[in-house]
Protein backbone atom coordinates (compact mmCIF):
# COMPACT_ATOMS: atom_id res chain seq x y z
CA MET A 1 120.92 15.40 76.97
CA LYS A 2 117.67 16.70 76.11
CA ASN A 3 114.17 14.96 77.89
CA GLU A 4 112.04 13.06 74.99
CA PRO A 5 108.47 12.69 75.76
CA ILE A 6 107.82 8.97 76.58
CA ILE A 7 104.62 8.57 73.51
CA GLN A 8 106.52 9.89 70.66
CA ASN A 9 104.17 12.27 68.41
CA ARG A 10 103.02 9.94 65.39
CA PRO A 11 103.58 11.39 61.86
CA LYS A 12 100.45 12.91 59.87
CA ARG A 13 98.77 10.56 57.47
CA SER A 14 98.22 12.20 53.68
CA ARG A 15 95.10 12.55 53.06
CA LYS A 16 95.47 10.51 49.60
CA SER A 17 96.34 7.68 51.41
CA SER A 18 93.17 7.70 53.22
CA ARG A 19 91.20 7.91 50.48
CA ASN A 20 93.00 5.28 48.75
CA ARG A 21 92.12 2.89 51.27
CA ASN A 22 88.05 3.42 51.14
CA VAL A 23 87.98 2.89 48.24
CA ASN A 24 89.75 -0.48 48.25
CA LEU A 25 87.16 -1.08 51.41
CA ILE A 26 84.20 -0.53 49.09
CA ILE A 27 85.67 -3.16 45.95
CA PHE A 28 86.36 -5.36 48.26
CA ILE A 29 82.50 -4.74 50.02
CA LEU A 30 81.05 -5.13 46.36
CA VAL A 31 83.36 -8.34 45.81
CA PHE A 32 82.56 -10.04 48.54
CA LEU A 33 78.27 -9.07 47.57
CA VAL A 34 79.20 -10.48 44.08
CA LEU A 35 80.13 -13.72 45.17
CA ILE A 36 77.56 -14.12 48.11
CA ILE A 37 74.97 -14.10 44.93
CA ALA A 38 76.58 -15.84 42.17
CA VAL A 39 77.85 -18.22 43.55
CA PRO A 40 74.69 -19.64 45.09
CA TYR A 41 72.81 -18.41 41.14
CA TYR A 42 76.01 -20.45 39.68
CA PHE A 43 74.94 -23.89 41.88
CA LEU A 44 71.40 -23.20 42.28
CA ALA A 45 69.80 -21.69 38.99
CA PRO A 46 68.18 -23.93 36.42
CA LYS A 47 70.48 -25.21 33.95
CA LYS A 48 69.67 -24.00 29.89
CA GLU A 49 67.48 -27.08 28.39
CA THR A 50 68.89 -28.77 25.65
CA PHE A 51 67.62 -31.42 23.34
CA LYS A 52 68.28 -33.71 20.92
CA LEU A 53 66.82 -35.56 18.33
CA GLN A 54 67.86 -38.52 16.96
CA LYS A 55 65.82 -39.99 14.21
CA TYR A 56 62.64 -37.54 12.51
CA GLU A 57 60.87 -37.02 8.99
CA GLN A 58 62.20 -34.23 6.99
CA ALA A 59 61.19 -32.51 3.77
CA GLN A 60 62.68 -29.95 1.58
CA VAL A 61 60.63 -26.74 0.41
CA ILE A 62 59.67 -27.57 -3.39
CA THR A 63 57.28 -24.70 -5.62
CA ARG A 64 54.07 -26.24 -7.19
CA ASP A 65 50.48 -24.85 -8.49
CA PHE A 66 47.74 -24.34 -6.04
CA VAL A 67 44.82 -24.25 -6.88
CA LYS A 68 41.78 -22.20 -4.62
CA ASN A 69 38.61 -24.36 -5.13
CA VAL A 70 34.84 -23.33 -4.06
CA SER A 71 33.14 -26.59 -2.22
CA ALA A 72 29.32 -27.28 -3.19
CA SER A 73 27.61 -29.93 -2.87
CA GLY A 74 25.17 -31.30 -5.74
CA THR A 75 22.98 -34.04 -7.71
CA VAL A 76 22.97 -35.53 -10.87
CA VAL A 77 20.76 -34.81 -13.16
CA ALA A 78 18.93 -35.01 -16.86
CA ASP A 79 20.14 -31.87 -18.89
CA GLU A 80 16.72 -33.05 -21.13
CA LYS A 81 13.57 -35.24 -19.68
CA ALA A 82 10.01 -35.70 -20.80
CA VAL A 83 7.02 -35.56 -18.39
CA ILE A 84 4.59 -37.14 -21.33
CA LYS A 85 1.04 -36.62 -20.61
CA ASN A 86 -2.44 -37.34 -22.23
CA ARG A 87 -4.27 -34.30 -23.84
CA ILE A 88 -7.55 -36.10 -23.03
CA ALA A 89 -9.43 -38.86 -20.72
CA GLY A 90 -9.17 -42.41 -22.23
CA THR A 91 -9.13 -45.90 -21.11
CA VAL A 92 -5.03 -47.35 -21.70
CA VAL A 93 -5.90 -49.81 -24.17
CA GLY A 94 -2.06 -50.10 -25.38
CA LEU A 95 1.24 -50.17 -23.23
CA PHE A 96 4.17 -51.04 -25.17
CA LEU A 97 7.30 -49.85 -22.77
CA GLU A 98 8.67 -51.11 -19.02
CA VAL A 99 10.92 -48.77 -16.48
CA GLY A 100 14.49 -49.01 -17.47
CA ASP A 101 13.70 -49.65 -21.92
CA LEU A 102 15.60 -47.32 -24.23
CA VAL A 103 13.21 -45.76 -26.42
CA LYS A 104 13.75 -43.46 -29.62
CA LYS A 105 12.15 -40.18 -30.35
CA GLY A 106 8.69 -41.33 -32.31
CA ASP A 107 8.68 -45.38 -30.38
CA LEU A 108 4.89 -45.65 -29.98
CA LEU A 109 4.48 -45.87 -26.12
CA VAL A 110 1.03 -45.77 -24.49
CA GLU A 111 -2.29 -46.33 -26.90
CA LEU A 112 -5.46 -45.17 -25.37
CA ALA A 113 -8.79 -44.99 -25.70
CA SER A 114 -11.90 -42.46 -25.78
CA ASP A 115 -15.80 -43.56 -26.50
CA ASP A 116 -16.96 -39.57 -26.04
CA VAL A 117 -14.30 -38.39 -28.54
CA VAL A 118 -15.19 -41.18 -30.64
CA ALA A 119 -18.96 -39.58 -31.05
CA ALA A 120 -18.08 -36.38 -30.84
CA LEU A 121 -15.79 -36.82 -33.75
CA ARG A 122 -19.40 -38.59 -35.54
CA LYS A 123 -21.44 -35.92 -34.51
CA ALA A 124 -19.18 -32.76 -35.31
CA LYS A 125 -18.80 -34.49 -39.00
CA ILE A 126 -22.22 -34.63 -39.97
CA ASP A 127 -23.48 -31.35 -38.60
CA TYR A 128 -20.62 -30.02 -40.59
CA GLN A 129 -22.00 -31.90 -43.59
CA LYS A 130 -25.74 -30.68 -42.87
CA LYS A 131 -23.98 -26.83 -42.76
CA ILE A 132 -22.29 -27.82 -45.89
CA GLN A 133 -25.82 -28.73 -47.59
CA ASP A 134 -27.01 -25.53 -45.80
CA GLU A 135 -24.53 -23.54 -47.78
CA LYS A 136 -25.36 -24.70 -50.64
CA ARG A 137 -29.12 -24.85 -50.59
CA LEU A 138 -29.14 -20.94 -49.44
CA ALA A 139 -27.11 -20.44 -52.52
CA MET A 140 -29.81 -22.08 -54.73
CA GLU A 141 -32.41 -20.25 -53.34
CA HIS A 142 -30.82 -17.00 -53.44
CA GLN A 143 -29.86 -17.57 -56.76
CA ARG A 144 -33.50 -18.18 -57.54
CA ASN A 145 -34.80 -15.21 -55.88
CA ILE A 146 -32.58 -12.58 -57.56
CA ASP A 147 -33.72 -14.42 -60.40
CA GLN A 148 -37.54 -13.71 -59.99
CA TYR A 149 -36.56 -10.13 -58.18
CA GLU A 150 -34.79 -9.19 -61.59
CA GLN A 151 -37.45 -10.73 -63.89
CA ASP A 152 -39.98 -8.26 -61.37
CA ILE A 153 -38.23 -5.84 -61.84
CA ASN A 154 -37.51 -5.94 -66.18
CA GLN A 155 -41.22 -6.14 -66.06
CA ALA A 156 -41.83 -3.61 -64.31
CA GLU A 157 -39.77 -0.72 -65.83
CA ILE A 158 -42.18 -2.36 -69.39
CA ASP A 159 -44.91 -1.61 -67.41
CA TYR A 160 -43.55 2.29 -66.48
CA GLN A 161 -42.34 2.72 -69.97
CA LYS A 162 -46.01 1.57 -70.88
CA LEU A 163 -47.58 3.89 -69.10
CA LYS A 164 -44.98 6.99 -69.32
CA ALA A 165 -45.27 6.90 -73.39
CA LYS A 166 -49.07 6.94 -72.87
CA LEU A 167 -49.18 9.80 -70.91
CA PRO A 168 -48.61 12.65 -73.61
CA THR A 169 -52.14 11.33 -75.42
CA TRP A 170 -53.93 11.50 -72.22
CA GLU A 171 -52.44 14.88 -71.53
CA LYS A 172 -53.70 15.74 -75.31
CA LEU A 173 -57.11 14.10 -74.29
CA PHE A 174 -57.35 16.34 -71.39
CA GLU A 175 -56.69 19.13 -73.58
CA LEU A 176 -59.38 18.55 -75.96
CA GLY A 177 -62.15 18.02 -73.31
CA GLU A 178 -62.27 14.62 -73.91
CA ILE A 179 -61.29 13.59 -70.37
CA SER A 180 -62.03 14.91 -67.23
CA LYS A 181 -58.93 16.25 -64.96
CA LEU A 182 -59.85 12.84 -62.29
CA ALA A 183 -59.02 10.79 -65.27
CA LEU A 184 -55.76 12.40 -65.90
CA ALA A 185 -54.14 12.45 -62.57
CA GLU A 186 -55.56 8.47 -62.22
CA GLU A 187 -53.20 7.85 -65.25
CA LYS A 188 -50.49 10.31 -63.64
CA SER A 189 -51.14 8.51 -60.55
CA LYS A 190 -50.68 5.13 -62.41
CA VAL A 191 -46.98 6.22 -63.59
CA GLU A 192 -45.97 7.37 -60.44
CA MET A 193 -46.91 3.61 -58.83
CA ALA A 194 -45.59 2.36 -62.05
CA GLU A 195 -42.26 4.15 -60.91
CA LYS A 196 -42.35 3.22 -57.40
CA LYS A 197 -42.82 -0.38 -57.96
CA ILE A 198 -39.78 -0.89 -59.63
CA GLU A 199 -37.75 1.22 -56.97
CA GLN A 200 -39.46 -0.94 -54.25
CA LEU A 201 -38.40 -3.82 -56.11
CA ILE A 202 -34.69 -2.55 -56.20
CA VAL A 203 -34.72 -1.86 -52.25
CA THR A 204 -36.16 -5.39 -52.08
CA LYS A 205 -33.77 -6.57 -54.27
CA LYS A 206 -30.74 -5.04 -52.15
CA TYR A 207 -32.25 -6.72 -48.96
CA ALA A 208 -32.39 -9.70 -50.12
CA ILE A 209 -28.90 -9.89 -51.26
CA ALA A 210 -28.11 -8.20 -47.68
CA LYS A 211 -29.93 -10.81 -46.20
CA ASN A 212 -28.13 -14.09 -48.34
CA GLN A 213 -24.49 -12.39 -47.46
CA LEU A 214 -25.50 -11.93 -43.86
CA GLU A 215 -26.74 -15.99 -43.85
CA LYS A 216 -23.98 -16.61 -45.85
CA GLU A 217 -21.41 -15.70 -44.16
CA GLY A 218 -23.18 -16.94 -40.63
CA LEU A 219 -23.18 -20.36 -42.22
CA ALA A 220 -19.65 -19.85 -43.00
CA GLU A 221 -18.38 -19.16 -39.71
CA SER A 222 -20.26 -22.48 -38.63
CA ILE A 223 -19.03 -24.47 -41.60
CA ILE A 224 -15.32 -23.26 -39.72
CA ASN A 225 -15.91 -23.97 -36.46
CA PHE A 226 -17.08 -27.62 -36.98
CA LYS A 227 -13.89 -27.53 -39.24
CA LYS A 228 -11.82 -26.89 -36.83
CA GLU A 229 -13.47 -28.95 -33.77
CA ILE A 230 -13.55 -31.81 -36.60
CA GLU A 231 -9.66 -31.03 -36.84
CA LYS A 232 -9.01 -31.05 -32.90
CA LEU A 233 -11.45 -34.15 -32.02
CA GLU A 234 -8.81 -35.65 -34.83
CA ALA A 235 -6.51 -34.56 -32.95
CA ASP A 236 -7.18 -35.50 -29.61
CA LEU A 237 -8.42 -39.18 -31.04
CA GLU A 238 -4.40 -38.96 -33.06
CA SER A 239 -3.27 -37.79 -29.38
CA CYS A 240 -4.45 -41.11 -27.64
CA LYS A 241 -0.76 -42.50 -29.56
CA ILE A 242 1.78 -41.18 -26.86
CA ALA A 243 4.96 -41.37 -28.93
CA ALA A 244 8.28 -40.46 -27.13
CA PRO A 245 8.76 -37.14 -27.84
CA ILE A 246 12.58 -37.53 -27.14
CA ASP A 247 15.43 -40.47 -27.33
CA GLY A 248 16.17 -41.92 -23.60
CA LYS A 249 15.26 -44.01 -20.96
CA VAL A 250 11.84 -44.59 -19.01
CA VAL A 251 12.67 -43.73 -15.61
CA ASN A 252 9.00 -44.19 -14.08
CA LEU A 253 5.63 -45.91 -15.69
CA SER A 254 2.65 -44.04 -13.83
CA VAL A 255 -0.50 -46.18 -15.72
CA ARG A 256 -1.47 -49.64 -16.00
CA LEU A 257 -3.28 -51.39 -18.74
CA GLY A 258 -7.02 -51.33 -18.69
CA GLU A 259 -6.80 -48.05 -16.17
CA THR A 260 -8.76 -45.15 -16.77
CA VAL A 261 -6.38 -41.67 -17.16
CA GLN A 262 -7.69 -37.85 -16.46
CA ALA A 263 -6.74 -35.58 -19.15
CA VAL A 264 -3.33 -34.47 -18.63
CA THR A 265 -2.39 -37.02 -16.59
CA PRO A 266 1.47 -38.02 -16.01
CA LEU A 267 1.72 -41.10 -17.57
CA VAL A 268 5.51 -41.95 -18.12
CA GLU A 269 9.06 -40.52 -17.86
CA LEU A 270 11.70 -40.25 -19.88
CA ILE A 271 14.92 -38.89 -20.00
CA ASP A 272 18.16 -38.30 -21.92
CA ASP A 273 20.91 -40.26 -19.90
CA GLN A 274 23.40 -38.78 -22.27
CA SER A 275 22.42 -35.00 -21.23
CA LEU A 276 23.51 -36.40 -17.50
CA ILE A 277 23.98 -32.36 -15.62
CA VAL A 278 25.20 -31.64 -11.82
CA ILE A 279 22.80 -28.83 -10.34
CA GLY A 280 25.66 -27.79 -7.36
CA GLN A 281 24.16 -25.55 -4.34
CA VAL A 282 27.17 -22.95 -4.06
CA SER A 283 26.74 -20.75 -0.41
CA GLN A 284 25.82 -17.34 -1.44
CA ARG A 285 28.52 -16.15 0.83
CA VAL A 286 30.92 -17.37 -2.12
CA ILE A 287 29.11 -17.76 -5.36
CA ASP A 288 31.30 -13.85 -6.44
CA ALA A 289 33.99 -16.05 -6.91
CA VAL A 290 31.94 -18.43 -9.11
CA LYS A 291 32.31 -17.86 -12.86
CA VAL A 292 31.03 -19.52 -16.04
CA GLU A 293 33.84 -21.51 -17.97
CA GLN A 294 35.57 -22.11 -14.83
CA LYS A 295 36.88 -26.10 -14.22
CA VAL A 296 35.66 -28.09 -11.76
CA GLN A 297 36.16 -31.83 -10.42
CA ILE A 298 32.87 -33.67 -9.37
CA ASN A 299 33.51 -36.57 -7.24
CA THR A 300 30.42 -39.40 -6.77
CA GLY A 301 32.32 -41.16 -4.07
CA THR A 302 33.72 -43.45 -6.40
CA ASN A 303 34.59 -41.47 -9.20
CA ILE A 304 36.40 -38.00 -9.95
CA PHE A 305 35.14 -36.53 -13.34
CA PRO A 306 36.56 -33.54 -15.01
CA GLY A 307 33.63 -30.24 -15.84
CA ARG A 308 32.67 -26.69 -16.16
CA VAL A 309 30.62 -24.07 -14.99
CA THR A 310 27.70 -23.32 -17.45
CA ARG A 311 24.94 -21.08 -15.94
CA ILE A 312 24.30 -19.48 -12.45
CA ALA A 313 20.98 -18.94 -11.16
CA GLU A 314 20.09 -15.38 -10.13
CA ILE A 315 18.05 -15.63 -7.62
CA ALA A 316 18.83 -17.61 -3.55
CA GLU A 317 17.14 -20.08 -2.68
CA GLU A 318 17.62 -20.14 1.52
CA GLY A 319 21.10 -18.99 1.39
CA LYS A 320 22.24 -20.91 -1.96
CA ILE A 321 22.31 -20.73 -5.13
CA ASP A 322 22.07 -22.94 -7.66
CA VAL A 323 25.61 -23.66 -10.35
CA GLU A 324 25.05 -25.76 -13.61
CA VAL A 325 27.68 -27.75 -14.13
CA GLU A 326 28.44 -30.11 -17.15
CA PHE A 327 30.71 -33.38 -17.39
CA GLU A 328 33.37 -33.25 -20.13
CA GLU A 329 32.46 -36.29 -20.99
CA VAL A 330 29.49 -38.26 -19.48
CA PRO A 331 30.05 -41.20 -17.70
CA ILE A 332 28.54 -44.74 -18.59
CA GLY A 333 26.35 -45.83 -16.41
CA LEU A 334 25.97 -42.72 -13.94
CA ARG A 335 22.47 -42.85 -12.68
CA PRO A 336 20.68 -39.92 -11.99
CA GLN A 337 19.65 -38.62 -8.44
CA THR A 338 23.27 -39.53 -7.40
CA THR A 339 24.88 -37.33 -5.70
CA ALA A 340 28.05 -35.45 -5.73
CA ASN A 341 31.31 -32.83 -4.17
CA LEU A 342 31.91 -30.35 -6.34
CA ASP A 343 34.95 -28.29 -6.49
CA ILE A 344 35.01 -25.14 -8.33
CA GLN A 345 37.99 -24.10 -9.44
CA VAL A 346 38.40 -19.89 -8.22
CA GLY A 347 42.10 -18.97 -8.60
CA LEU A 348 45.19 -20.48 -9.18
CA PHE A 349 48.62 -19.40 -7.84
CA LYS A 350 51.14 -21.14 -10.03
CA ASP A 351 55.20 -22.15 -8.82
CA SER A 352 53.90 -21.67 -4.88
CA LEU A 353 56.41 -22.65 -2.31
CA ALA A 354 55.05 -25.95 -0.85
CA LEU A 355 55.55 -28.41 1.72
CA PRO A 356 54.52 -32.19 1.91
CA ARG A 357 51.48 -32.19 4.66
CA GLY A 358 52.73 -34.15 7.92
CA ARG A 359 51.71 -33.72 11.77
CA TYR A 360 54.55 -31.07 11.95
CA LEU A 361 51.36 -28.91 11.06
CA SER A 362 49.13 -29.88 13.97
CA SER A 363 52.28 -30.00 16.55
CA GLY A 364 53.42 -26.25 15.25
CA MET A 365 49.99 -25.01 15.38
CA GLU A 366 50.01 -24.20 12.00
CA ARG A 367 52.91 -21.51 13.11
CA PHE A 368 55.79 -22.54 13.54
CA VAL A 369 58.64 -24.95 11.93
CA TYR A 370 62.10 -26.22 12.63
CA GLN A 371 64.13 -25.24 10.01
CA ILE A 372 67.50 -27.21 9.80
CA GLU A 373 70.99 -25.46 9.74
CA GLY A 374 73.50 -28.70 9.94
CA ASP A 375 73.39 -30.31 13.34
CA GLN A 376 70.58 -28.05 14.73
CA ALA A 377 66.72 -27.17 13.90
CA ASN A 378 65.91 -23.63 14.63
CA LYS A 379 62.03 -22.67 15.20
CA VAL A 380 60.60 -20.12 12.85
CA GLU A 381 57.56 -18.71 12.30
CA VAL A 382 55.46 -19.22 8.99
CA THR A 383 52.60 -18.61 7.40
CA PHE A 384 50.49 -21.15 5.77
CA GLY A 385 47.68 -20.92 3.10
CA LEU A 386 45.89 -23.37 0.47
CA ILE A 387 45.87 -26.92 0.92
CA ASN A 388 45.85 -28.90 -1.93
CA GLU A 389 45.77 -32.84 -2.18
CA ASN A 390 48.71 -33.71 -0.11
CA TYR A 391 51.03 -30.14 0.36
CA VAL A 392 50.47 -26.99 2.14
CA GLN A 393 50.98 -23.91 0.35
CA VAL A 394 53.89 -21.76 2.35
CA LYS A 395 53.24 -18.13 2.23
CA SER A 396 56.40 -16.46 4.33
CA GLY A 397 58.92 -17.53 6.86
CA LEU A 398 60.69 -20.11 4.76
CA LYS A 399 63.08 -20.18 1.11
CA GLU A 400 62.76 -22.60 -1.60
CA ALA A 401 65.11 -25.32 -0.85
CA ALA A 402 65.20 -24.84 3.31
CA TRP A 403 64.74 -28.45 4.67
CA ILE A 404 62.72 -28.70 7.79
CA ILE A 405 61.64 -31.11 10.42
CA THR A 406 57.96 -33.06 8.85
CA SER A 407 57.73 -35.40 12.01
CA SER A 408 55.63 -34.54 15.23
CA TYR A 409 56.97 -30.69 17.20
CA ASP A 410 55.10 -32.15 20.84
CA ASN A 411 58.53 -33.08 22.98
CA PHE A 412 60.10 -29.67 21.75
CA ILE A 413 58.22 -27.05 20.55
CA HIS A 414 58.79 -24.83 23.67
CA LEU A 415 62.34 -24.78 22.29
CA GLU A 416 63.52 -22.07 20.41
CA GLU A 417 65.70 -24.45 18.82
CA ILE A 418 67.51 -28.14 19.45
CA ASP A 419 70.29 -30.48 18.55
CA ILE A 420 69.70 -33.08 15.58
CA ASN A 421 71.41 -35.92 14.65
CA PRO A 422 72.64 -34.88 10.98
CA GLU A 423 72.63 -38.85 9.95
CA GLY A 424 69.27 -38.95 11.46
CA GLY A 425 66.86 -37.58 8.96
CA PHE A 426 64.26 -39.75 6.69
CA GLU A 427 62.18 -38.56 3.68
CA SER A 428 58.26 -39.90 4.33
CA ASP A 429 56.66 -41.41 1.83
């Protein structure tokens, strides 16, 4: 019998068995760590917030036209008006109107009297007649003088011819020794003097004619001036009867009966209440968008009237530019100086996506809406554009026919999606 050792030798473990054991240990540790972390997180982590909306307003995306406006304030004025002034100073002796009266062109409104003009006219007529008489007298005197000059010239020519005809006789006598050389020289001198007399008379006649012409022209000019003065004074007197230059309404009367007024004093103001327009003041920053013939809505506070742009001023004053707007039809009873708000249509966007305005705009920060999809509503980012009346333009983020919640989002705006009661939606009026 062989002697065996009390402690027998253990069989050797394989390396593969040891490696498997280490892997299992690592897996166990990892699972254990996951459980340590996951279990508390499962019980302690916040649950996903849910929200269910039971009753809500809803609306469908539609299409409609949107108008882009430039707004301005304005004042109703009369396109045709007249401030009537007197040409000359005078006293009011007739007053044929009151404020508020309707008058026709040519109606007598005010009559003035001017003693100064009457006196000046009387004197001018007297002076005019004197000049006419002076002109006639000058013509008569001139003709008489010319007749006398012609008579003197004719006589001088006769005397000259007689003396000249006798000169050969005197020369013959001198040759015969009957007269002296001095006597012959005297006879020749007489002939020369007679000839010079004719020349002098002709020169004098010409001078008289020239002088008469100057006097005649001076008188004619004076007559013309007096005639003009008379015409002016007569026109001044005629202007004392002051008539309406247009059909219109009396809006201001600045004189009283018996009052003395200076020349060029505003007496009466008329307006044609059928020619009312609006003068609006548009900001210089947006004036480039405004064009003649664009449509305008004229809001006087109590009524809205259609109109159109007819004129745009060239020069800005204090950052504003005047824009003239005509009514399509002048309103009856509208008063000048009425204030008005103008909406000038500078753009038209046809068939744009649109939603009715509602509390969703402010609560969605004008950036988000909740689009309805079955029993849920998802938060969608949108871009809004123009607002016309009760509708807002949708520029992006939604499609036509989509439904959205239009009531307030205040209770769930922080959520990306909410549950809804499909039966709880209704369209607001």
